[in-house]
All heavy atoms as atom14 arrays in JSON, in Angstrom:
{
  "sequence": "GLKWDHCRDYVFDGGNEYRKFEVLDLDHTSMGIEELRWDGEH",
  "atom14_mask": [
    [1, 1, 1, 1, 0, 0, 0, 0, 0, 0, 0, 0, 0, 0],
    [1, 1, 1, 1, 1, 1, 1, 1, 0, 0, 0, 0, 0, 0],
    [1, 1, 1, 1, 1, 1, 1, 1, 1, 0, 0, 0, 0, 0],
    [1, 1, 1, 1, 1, 1, 1, 1, 1, 1, 1, 1, 1, 1],
    [1, 1, 1, 1, 1, 1, 1, 1, 0, 0, 0, 0, 0, 0],
    [1, 1, 1, 1, 1, 1, 1, 1, 1, 1, 0, 0, 0, 0],
    [1, 1, 1, 1, 1, 1, 0, 0, 0, 0, 0, 0, 0, 0],
    [1, 1, 1, 1, 1, 1, 1, 1, 1, 1, 1, 0, 0, 0],
    [1, 1, 1, 1, 1, 1, 1, 1, 0, 0, 0, 0, 0, 0],
    [1, 1, 1, 1, 1, 1, 1, 1, 1, 1, 1, 1, 0, 0],
    [1, 1, 1, 1, 1, 1, 1, 0, 0, 0, 0, 0, 0, 0],
    [1, 1, 1, 1, 1, 1, 1, 1, 1, 1, 1, 0, 0, 0],
    [1, 1, 1, 1, 1, 1, 1, 1, 0, 0, 0, 0, 0, 0],
    [1, 1, 1, 1, 0, 0, 0, 0, 0, 0, 0, 0, 0, 0],
    [1, 1, 1, 1, 0, 0, 0, 0, 0, 0, 0, 0, 0, 0],
    [1, 1, 1, 1, 1, 1, 1, 1, 0, 0, 0, 0, 0, 0],
    [1, 1, 1, 1, 1, 1, 1, 1, 1, 0, 0, 0, 0, 0],
    [1, 1, 1, 1, 1, 1, 1, 1, 1, 1, 1, 1, 0, 0],
    [1, 1, 1, 1, 1, 1, 1, 1, 1, 1, 1, 0, 0, 0],
    [1, 1, 1, 1, 1, 1, 1, 1, 1, 0, 0, 0, 0, 0],
    [1, 1, 1, 1, 1, 1, 1, 1, 1, 1, 1, 0, 0, 0],
    [1, 1, 1, 1, 1, 1, 1, 1, 1, 0, 0, 0, 0, 0],
    [1, 1, 1, 1, 1, 1, 1, 0, 0, 0, 0, 0, 0, 0],
    [1, 1, 1, 1, 1, 1, 1, 1, 0, 0, 0, 0, 0, 0],
    [1, 1, 1, 1, 1, 1, 1, 1, 0, 0, 0, 0, 0, 0],
    [1, 1, 1, 1, 1, 1, 1, 1, 0, 0, 0, 0, 0, 0],
    [1, 1, 1, 1, 1, 1, 1, 1, 0, 0, 0, 0, 0, 0],
    [1, 1, 1, 1, 1, 1, 1, 1, 1, 1, 0, 0, 0, 0],
    [1, 1, 1, 1, 1, 1, 1, 0, 0, 0, 0, 0, 0, 0],
    [1, 1, 1, 1, 1, 1, 0, 0, 0, 0, 0, 0, 0, 0],
    [1, 1, 1, 1, 1, 1, 1, 1, 0, 0, 0, 0, 0, 0],
    [1, 1, 1, 1, 0, 0, 0, 0, 0, 0, 0, 0, 0, 0],
    [1, 1, 1, 1, 1, 1, 1, 1, 0, 0, 0, 0, 0, 0],
    [1, 1, 1, 1, 1, 1, 1, 1, 1, 0, 0, 0, 0, 0],
    [1, 1, 1, 1, 1, 1, 1, 1, 1, 0, 0, 0, 0, 0],
    [1, 1, 1, 1, 1, 1, 1, 1, 0, 0, 0, 0, 0, 0],
    [1, 1, 1, 1, 1, 1, 1, 1, 1, 1, 1, 0, 0, 0],
    [1, 1, 1, 1, 1, 1, 1, 1, 1, 1, 1, 1, 1, 1],
    [1, 1, 1, 1, 1, 1, 1, 1, 0, 0, 0, 0, 0, 0],
    [1, 1, 1, 1, 0, 0, 0, 0, 0, 0, 0, 0, 0, 0],
    [1, 1, 1, 1, 1, 1, 1, 1, 1, 0, 0, 0, 0, 0],
    [1, 1, 1, 1, 1, 1, 1, 1, 1, 1, 0, 0, 0, 0]
  ],
  "atom14_positions": [
    [[199.95, 118.32, 99.55], [198.64, 118.92, 99.77], [197.7, 118.04, 100.55], [198.1, 117.06, 101.21], [0.0, 0.0, 0.0], [0.0, 0.0, 0.0], [0.0, 0.0, 0.0], [0.0, 0.0, 0.0], [0.0, 0.0, 0.0], [0.0, 0.0, 0.0], [0.0, 0.0, 0.0], [0.0, 0.0, 0.0], [0.0, 0.0, 0.0], [0.0, 0.0, 0.0]],
    [[196.4, 118.36, 100.44], [195.35, 117.69, 101.19], [194.22, 117.3, 100.25], [193.98, 117.98, 99.24], [194.81, 118.61, 102.29], [195.82, 119.23, 103.26], [195.15, 120.28, 104.13], [196.45, 118.14, 104.13], [0.0, 0.0, 0.0], [0.0, 0.0, 0.0], [0.0, 0.0, 0.0], [0.0, 0.0, 0.0], [0.0, 0.0, 0.0], [0.0, 0.0, 0.0]],
    [[193.5, 116.24, 100.63], [192.39, 115.79, 99.8], [191.24, 115.33, 100.7], [191.45, 114.56, 101.64], [192.82, 114.65, 98.87], [191.72, 114.19, 97.92], [192.24, 113.11, 96.98], [191.16, 112.66, 96.0], [191.66, 111.6, 95.08], [0.0, 0.0, 0.0], [0.0, 0.0, 0.0], [0.0, 0.0, 0.0], [0.0, 0.0, 0.0], [0.0, 0.0, 0.0]],
    [[190.05, 115.82, 100.39], [188.83, 115.41, 101.07], [188.0, 114.6, 100.08], [187.46, 115.14, 99.1], [188.04, 116.62, 101.55], [188.69, 117.39, 102.66], [188.4, 117.32, 103.99], [189.73, 118.37, 102.54], [189.19, 118.17, 104.71], [190.02, 118.84, 103.83], [190.43, 118.9, 101.44], [190.99, 119.8, 104.06], [191.41, 119.86, 101.69], [191.68, 120.3, 102.98]],
    [[187.93, 113.29, 100.31], [187.21, 112.39, 99.41], [186.37, 111.46, 100.28], [186.88, 110.84, 101.21], [188.21, 111.6, 98.56], [187.53, 110.81, 97.46], [186.4, 111.18, 97.08], [188.12, 109.82, 96.98], [0.0, 0.0, 0.0], [0.0, 0.0, 0.0], [0.0, 0.0, 0.0], [0.0, 0.0, 0.0], [0.0, 0.0, 0.0], [0.0, 0.0, 0.0]],
    [[185.07, 111.39, 100.0], [184.14, 110.64, 100.86], [184.19, 111.17, 102.3], [184.2, 110.4, 103.26], [184.46, 109.14, 100.84], [184.25, 108.51, 99.5], [182.99, 108.25, 99.0], [185.14, 108.11, 98.55], [183.11, 107.71, 97.8], [184.39, 107.62, 97.49], [0.0, 0.0, 0.0], [0.0, 0.0, 0.0], [0.0, 0.0, 0.0], [0.0, 0.0, 0.0]],
    [[184.2, 112.49, 102.41], [184.23, 113.14, 103.72], [182.79, 113.36, 104.18], [182.05, 114.15, 103.59], [184.98, 114.47, 103.64], [184.99, 115.4, 105.17], [0.0, 0.0, 0.0], [0.0, 0.0, 0.0], [0.0, 0.0, 0.0], [0.0, 0.0, 0.0], [0.0, 0.0, 0.0], [0.0, 0.0, 0.0], [0.0, 0.0, 0.0], [0.0, 0.0, 0.0]],
    [[182.4, 112.68, 105.25], [181.01, 112.78, 105.72], [180.68, 114.17, 106.25], [179.52, 114.57, 106.27], [180.75, 111.72, 106.79], [180.75, 110.29, 106.25], [180.39, 109.29, 107.33], [179.01, 109.4, 107.76], [177.99, 108.77, 107.19], [178.18, 107.98, 106.14], [176.76, 108.91, 107.66], [0.0, 0.0, 0.0], [0.0, 0.0, 0.0], [0.0, 0.0, 0.0]],
    [[181.7, 114.9, 106.68], [181.45, 116.28, 107.13], [181.04, 117.19, 105.97], [180.49, 118.27, 106.21], [182.7, 116.86, 107.79], [182.96, 116.26, 109.17], [181.99, 115.76, 109.77], [184.12, 116.27, 109.62], [0.0, 0.0, 0.0], [0.0, 0.0, 0.0], [0.0, 0.0, 0.0], [0.0, 0.0, 0.0], [0.0, 0.0, 0.0], [0.0, 0.0, 0.0]],
    [[181.31, 116.76, 104.75], [180.96, 117.55, 103.58], [179.68, 117.04, 102.9], [179.45, 117.31, 101.72], [182.11, 117.57, 102.58], [183.26, 118.45, 103.0], [184.5, 118.38, 102.36], [183.14, 119.36, 104.05], [185.56, 119.18, 102.76], [184.19, 120.15, 104.45], [185.4, 120.06, 103.8], [186.45, 120.87, 104.18], [0.0, 0.0, 0.0], [0.0, 0.0, 0.0]],
    [[178.88, 116.28, 103.64], [177.56, 115.87, 103.15], [176.53, 116.9, 103.64], [176.4, 117.14, 104.84], [177.19, 114.47, 103.64], [175.78, 114.09, 103.17], [178.21, 113.44, 103.14], [0.0, 0.0, 0.0], [0.0, 0.0, 0.0], [0.0, 0.0, 0.0], [0.0, 0.0, 0.0], [0.0, 0.0, 0.0], [0.0, 0.0, 0.0], [0.0, 0.0, 0.0]],
    [[175.8, 117.49, 102.71], [174.8, 118.51, 103.03], [173.41, 118.02, 102.64], [173.25, 117.27, 101.66], [175.06, 119.8, 102.24], [176.31, 120.54, 102.64], [177.55, 120.14, 102.16], [176.24, 121.64, 103.47], [178.7, 120.83, 102.5], [177.38, 122.34, 103.83], [178.62, 121.93, 103.34], [0.0, 0.0, 0.0], [0.0, 0.0, 0.0], [0.0, 0.0, 0.0]],
    [[172.41, 118.44, 103.4], [171.03, 118.23, 102.96], [170.82, 118.96, 101.65], [171.25, 120.11, 101.49], [170.04, 118.76, 104.0], [169.93, 117.86, 105.21], [170.32, 116.68, 105.12], [169.45, 118.34, 106.25], [0.0, 0.0, 0.0], [0.0, 0.0, 0.0], [0.0, 0.0, 0.0], [0.0, 0.0, 0.0], [0.0, 0.0, 0.0], [0.0, 0.0, 0.0]],
    [[170.12, 118.3, 100.72], [169.84, 118.96, 99.44], [168.88, 120.12, 99.59], [168.97, 121.12, 98.88], [0.0, 0.0, 0.0], [0.0, 0.0, 0.0], [0.0, 0.0, 0.0], [0.0, 0.0, 0.0], [0.0, 0.0, 0.0], [0.0, 0.0, 0.0], [0.0, 0.0, 0.0], [0.0, 0.0, 0.0], [0.0, 0.0, 0.0], [0.0, 0.0, 0.0]],
    [[167.95, 119.99, 100.54], [166.96, 121.05, 100.73], [166.05, 121.19, 99.52], [165.79, 120.23, 98.79], [0.0, 0.0, 0.0], [0.0, 0.0, 0.0], [0.0, 0.0, 0.0], [0.0, 0.0, 0.0], [0.0, 0.0, 0.0], [0.0, 0.0, 0.0], [0.0, 0.0, 0.0], [0.0, 0.0, 0.0], [0.0, 0.0, 0.0], [0.0, 0.0, 0.0]],
    [[165.57, 122.4, 99.3], [164.69, 122.68, 98.16], [165.07, 124.02, 97.57], [165.83, 124.78, 98.16], [163.22, 122.69, 98.62], [162.27, 122.3, 97.49], [162.59, 122.44, 96.32], [161.1, 121.8, 97.86], [0.0, 0.0, 0.0], [0.0, 0.0, 0.0], [0.0, 0.0, 0.0], [0.0, 0.0, 0.0], [0.0, 0.0, 0.0], [0.0, 0.0, 0.0]],
    [[164.54, 124.31, 96.39], [164.83, 125.6, 95.77], [164.32, 126.73, 96.66], [163.29, 126.59, 97.34], [164.19, 125.69, 94.39], [164.54, 124.56, 93.44], [166.01, 124.49, 93.07], [166.76, 125.45, 93.38], [166.43, 123.49, 92.47], [0.0, 0.0, 0.0], [0.0, 0.0, 0.0], [0.0, 0.0, 0.0], [0.0, 0.0, 0.0], [0.0, 0.0, 0.0]],
    [[165.03, 127.83, 96.66], [164.59, 128.99, 97.43], [163.27, 129.53, 96.86], [163.04, 129.49, 95.65], [165.64, 130.1, 97.37], [166.78, 129.92, 98.35], [167.68, 128.85, 98.21], [166.97, 130.8, 99.4], [168.74, 128.68, 99.09], [168.03, 130.65, 100.29], [168.9, 129.58, 100.13], [169.95, 129.42, 101.01], [0.0, 0.0, 0.0], [0.0, 0.0, 0.0]],
    [[162.43, 130.0, 97.72], [161.22, 130.7, 97.29], [161.6, 132.1, 96.83], [162.71, 132.58, 97.1], [160.2, 130.74, 98.42], [159.73, 129.35, 98.88], [158.7, 129.47, 99.97], [158.27, 128.18, 100.49], [157.25, 127.47, 100.04], [156.56, 127.94, 98.99], [156.9, 126.33, 100.59], [0.0, 0.0, 0.0], [0.0, 0.0, 0.0], [0.0, 0.0, 0.0]],
    [[160.66, 132.79, 96.18], [161.01, 134.11, 95.63], [159.75, 134.94, 95.41], [158.64, 134.42, 95.31], [161.77, 133.96, 94.31], [160.98, 133.2, 93.24], [161.83, 132.9, 92.01], [161.04, 132.09, 90.99], [161.85, 131.76, 89.79], [0.0, 0.0, 0.0], [0.0, 0.0, 0.0], [0.0, 0.0, 0.0], [0.0, 0.0, 0.0], [0.0, 0.0, 0.0]],
    [[159.96, 136.25, 95.36], [158.91, 137.18, 94.96], [159.59, 138.43, 94.42], [160.8, 138.63, 94.58], [157.98, 137.53, 96.14], [158.65, 138.28, 97.25], [158.76, 139.66, 97.23], [159.16, 137.58, 98.35], [159.38, 140.35, 98.28], [159.76, 138.26, 99.4], [159.88, 139.65, 99.35], [0.0, 0.0, 0.0], [0.0, 0.0, 0.0], [0.0, 0.0, 0.0]],
    [[158.78, 139.27, 93.79], [159.3, 140.47, 93.17], [158.27, 141.58, 93.28], [157.11, 141.39, 92.92], [159.64, 140.19, 91.7], [160.58, 141.19, 91.07], [161.1, 140.67, 89.73], [160.31, 140.09, 88.97], [162.29, 140.84, 89.45], [0.0, 0.0, 0.0], [0.0, 0.0, 0.0], [0.0, 0.0, 0.0], [0.0, 0.0, 0.0], [0.0, 0.0, 0.0]],
    [[158.69, 142.72, 93.78], [157.84, 143.91, 93.83], [158.47, 144.96, 92.92], [159.45, 145.61, 93.3], [157.7, 144.46, 95.27], [156.76, 145.66, 95.28], [157.18, 143.37, 96.21], [0.0, 0.0, 0.0], [0.0, 0.0, 0.0], [0.0, 0.0, 0.0], [0.0, 0.0, 0.0], [0.0, 0.0, 0.0], [0.0, 0.0, 0.0], [0.0, 0.0, 0.0]],
    [[157.93, 145.1, 91.72], [158.5, 146.01, 90.74], [157.69, 147.29, 90.58], [158.24, 148.35, 90.27], [158.61, 145.32, 89.37], [159.51, 144.1, 89.28], [159.56, 143.58, 87.85], [160.92, 144.44, 89.76], [0.0, 0.0, 0.0], [0.0, 0.0, 0.0], [0.0, 0.0, 0.0], [0.0, 0.0, 0.0], [0.0, 0.0, 0.0], [0.0, 0.0, 0.0]],
    [[156.38, 147.17, 90.76], [155.48, 148.28, 90.5], [154.52, 148.4, 91.68], [154.08, 147.4, 92.24], [154.71, 148.03, 89.2], [154.02, 149.26, 88.68], [153.2, 149.84, 89.42], [154.27, 149.65, 87.52], [0.0, 0.0, 0.0], [0.0, 0.0, 0.0], [0.0, 0.0, 0.0], [0.0, 0.0, 0.0], [0.0, 0.0, 0.0], [0.0, 0.0, 0.0]],
    [[154.19, 149.62, 92.06], [153.28, 149.83, 93.18], [151.82, 149.9, 92.76], [150.93, 150.01, 93.6], [153.68, 151.1, 93.93], [155.09, 151.09, 94.51], [155.42, 152.43, 95.17], [155.26, 149.95, 95.52], [0.0, 0.0, 0.0], [0.0, 0.0, 0.0], [0.0, 0.0, 0.0], [0.0, 0.0, 0.0], [0.0, 0.0, 0.0], [0.0, 0.0, 0.0]],
    [[151.57, 149.82, 91.46], [150.2, 149.83, 90.93], [149.78, 148.49, 90.36], [148.57, 148.24, 90.2], [150.06, 150.9, 89.84], [150.27, 152.31, 90.37], [149.78, 152.61, 91.47], [150.94, 153.1, 89.68], [0.0, 0.0, 0.0], [0.0, 0.0, 0.0], [0.0, 0.0, 0.0], [0.0, 0.0, 0.0], [0.0, 0.0, 0.0], [0.0, 0.0, 0.0]],
    [[150.74, 147.63, 90.05], [150.43, 146.34, 89.44], [151.22, 145.24, 90.15], [152.39, 145.43, 90.48], [150.76, 146.34, 87.94], [150.07, 147.41, 87.17], [150.61, 148.67, 86.99], [148.87, 147.43, 86.54], [149.79, 149.41, 86.28], [148.72, 148.68, 86.0], [0.0, 0.0, 0.0], [0.0, 0.0, 0.0], [0.0, 0.0, 0.0], [0.0, 0.0, 0.0]],
    [[150.57, 144.1, 90.35], [151.24, 142.99, 91.0], [152.29, 142.39, 90.07], [152.19, 142.5, 88.84], [150.24, 141.89, 91.4], [149.54, 141.44, 90.23], [149.25, 142.41, 92.42], [0.0, 0.0, 0.0], [0.0, 0.0, 0.0], [0.0, 0.0, 0.0], [0.0, 0.0, 0.0], [0.0, 0.0, 0.0], [0.0, 0.0, 0.0], [0.0, 0.0, 0.0]],
    [[153.3, 141.77, 90.65], [154.34, 141.1, 89.89], [154.57, 139.72, 90.51], [153.76, 139.26, 91.32], [155.62, 141.95, 89.85], [155.94, 142.46, 91.13], [0.0, 0.0, 0.0], [0.0, 0.0, 0.0], [0.0, 0.0, 0.0], [0.0, 0.0, 0.0], [0.0, 0.0, 0.0], [0.0, 0.0, 0.0], [0.0, 0.0, 0.0], [0.0, 0.0, 0.0]],
    [[155.66, 139.08, 90.16], [155.89, 137.67, 90.5], [155.68, 137.39, 91.99], [156.32, 137.99, 92.86], [157.32, 137.29, 90.11], [157.66, 135.84, 90.4], [159.37, 135.44, 89.93], [160.29, 136.52, 91.04], [0.0, 0.0, 0.0], [0.0, 0.0, 0.0], [0.0, 0.0, 0.0], [0.0, 0.0, 0.0], [0.0, 0.0, 0.0], [0.0, 0.0, 0.0]],
    [[154.77, 136.48, 92.28], [154.53, 136.02, 93.63], [153.63, 136.89, 94.47], [153.28, 136.52, 95.59], [0.0, 0.0, 0.0], [0.0, 0.0, 0.0], [0.0, 0.0, 0.0], [0.0, 0.0, 0.0], [0.0, 0.0, 0.0], [0.0, 0.0, 0.0], [0.0, 0.0, 0.0], [0.0, 0.0, 0.0], [0.0, 0.0, 0.0], [0.0, 0.0, 0.0]],
    [[153.23, 138.05, 93.97], [152.42, 138.99, 94.75], [150.95, 138.87, 94.36], [150.59, 138.96, 93.19], [152.91, 140.44, 94.53], [154.38, 140.56, 94.93], [152.05, 141.41, 95.32], [154.68, 140.19, 96.37], [0.0, 0.0, 0.0], [0.0, 0.0, 0.0], [0.0, 0.0, 0.0], [0.0, 0.0, 0.0], [0.0, 0.0, 0.0], [0.0, 0.0, 0.0]],
    [[150.11, 138.64, 95.35], [148.68, 138.47, 95.12], [147.94, 139.8, 95.1], [147.0, 140.0, 94.31], [148.09, 137.57, 96.22], [146.6, 137.29, 96.06], [146.09, 136.35, 97.14], [146.8, 136.16, 98.17], [144.99, 135.79, 96.96], [0.0, 0.0, 0.0], [0.0, 0.0, 0.0], [0.0, 0.0, 0.0], [0.0, 0.0, 0.0], [0.0, 0.0, 0.0]],
    [[148.35, 140.76, 95.94], [147.61, 142.01, 96.06], [148.55, 143.13, 96.52], [149.47, 142.91, 97.3], [146.47, 141.84, 97.09], [145.64, 143.09, 97.3], [144.63, 142.92, 98.43], [144.61, 141.84, 99.07], [143.86, 143.89, 98.69], [0.0, 0.0, 0.0], [0.0, 0.0, 0.0], [0.0, 0.0, 0.0], [0.0, 0.0, 0.0], [0.0, 0.0, 0.0]],
    [[148.29, 144.33, 96.01], [148.96, 145.54, 96.46], [147.92, 146.46, 97.07], [146.81, 146.59, 96.55], [149.67, 146.25, 95.3], [150.89, 145.55, 94.7], [151.29, 146.2, 93.38], [152.07, 145.57, 95.67], [0.0, 0.0, 0.0], [0.0, 0.0, 0.0], [0.0, 0.0, 0.0], [0.0, 0.0, 0.0], [0.0, 0.0, 0.0], [0.0, 0.0, 0.0]],
    [[148.3, 147.13, 98.19], [147.31, 147.96, 98.86], [148.0, 149.15, 99.53], [149.08, 149.0, 100.12], [146.56, 147.12, 99.9], [145.39, 147.83, 100.57], [144.85, 146.97, 101.72], [144.52, 145.61, 101.3], [144.33, 144.61, 102.16], [144.46, 144.83, 103.46], [144.02, 143.41, 101.71], [0.0, 0.0, 0.0], [0.0, 0.0, 0.0], [0.0, 0.0, 0.0]],
    [[147.38, 150.31, 99.43], [147.84, 151.51, 100.14], [146.95, 151.7, 101.36], [145.72, 151.74, 101.25], [147.76, 152.72, 99.21], [147.96, 154.04, 99.9], [147.01, 154.97, 100.21], [149.2, 154.59, 100.37], [147.56, 156.05, 100.85], [148.91, 155.85, 100.97], [150.52, 154.13, 100.38], [149.9, 156.65, 101.53], [151.5, 154.94, 100.93], [151.18, 156.18, 101.5]],
    [[147.55, 151.78, 102.55], [146.76, 151.86, 103.78], [146.67, 153.27, 104.33], [146.23, 153.48, 105.47], [147.33, 150.91, 104.84], [148.75, 151.28, 105.27], [149.24, 152.36, 104.89], [149.37, 150.48, 105.99], [0.0, 0.0, 0.0], [0.0, 0.0, 0.0], [0.0, 0.0, 0.0], [0.0, 0.0, 0.0], [0.0, 0.0, 0.0], [0.0, 0.0, 0.0]],
    [[147.05, 154.26, 103.54], [147.04, 155.63, 103.99], [148.37, 156.09, 104.53], [148.6, 157.3, 104.69], [0.0, 0.0, 0.0], [0.0, 0.0, 0.0], [0.0, 0.0, 0.0], [0.0, 0.0, 0.0], [0.0, 0.0, 0.0], [0.0, 0.0, 0.0], [0.0, 0.0, 0.0], [0.0, 0.0, 0.0], [0.0, 0.0, 0.0], [0.0, 0.0, 0.0]],
    [[149.27, 155.15, 104.81], [150.6, 155.48, 105.32], [151.7, 154.75, 104.58], [152.76, 155.31, 104.29], [150.66, 155.15, 106.81], [151.96, 155.56, 107.48], [151.97, 155.26, 108.97], [150.94, 154.73, 109.47], [152.98, 155.56, 109.63], [0.0, 0.0, 0.0], [0.0, 0.0, 0.0], [0.0, 0.0, 0.0], [0.0, 0.0, 0.0], [0.0, 0.0, 0.0]],
    [[151.45, 153.47, 104.26], [152.47, 152.65, 103.61], [151.87, 151.9, 102.43], [150.67, 151.61, 102.39], [153.05, 151.61, 104.58], [153.61, 152.19, 105.84], [154.67, 153.07, 105.85], [153.26, 152.0, 107.14], [154.95, 153.4, 107.09], [154.1, 152.78, 107.9], [0.0, 0.0, 0.0], [0.0, 0.0, 0.0], [0.0, 0.0, 0.0], [0.0, 0.0, 0.0]]
  ]
}
């Protein structure tokens, strides 16, 4: 078989946690949402 040990090609930036939001209700804000608004069309 094959073994990759101390392989520099397999070093990745750690980055950061993904951001997120949730739109569950059209009348009440949910996670990450500051305001909900109806513009007459959308």
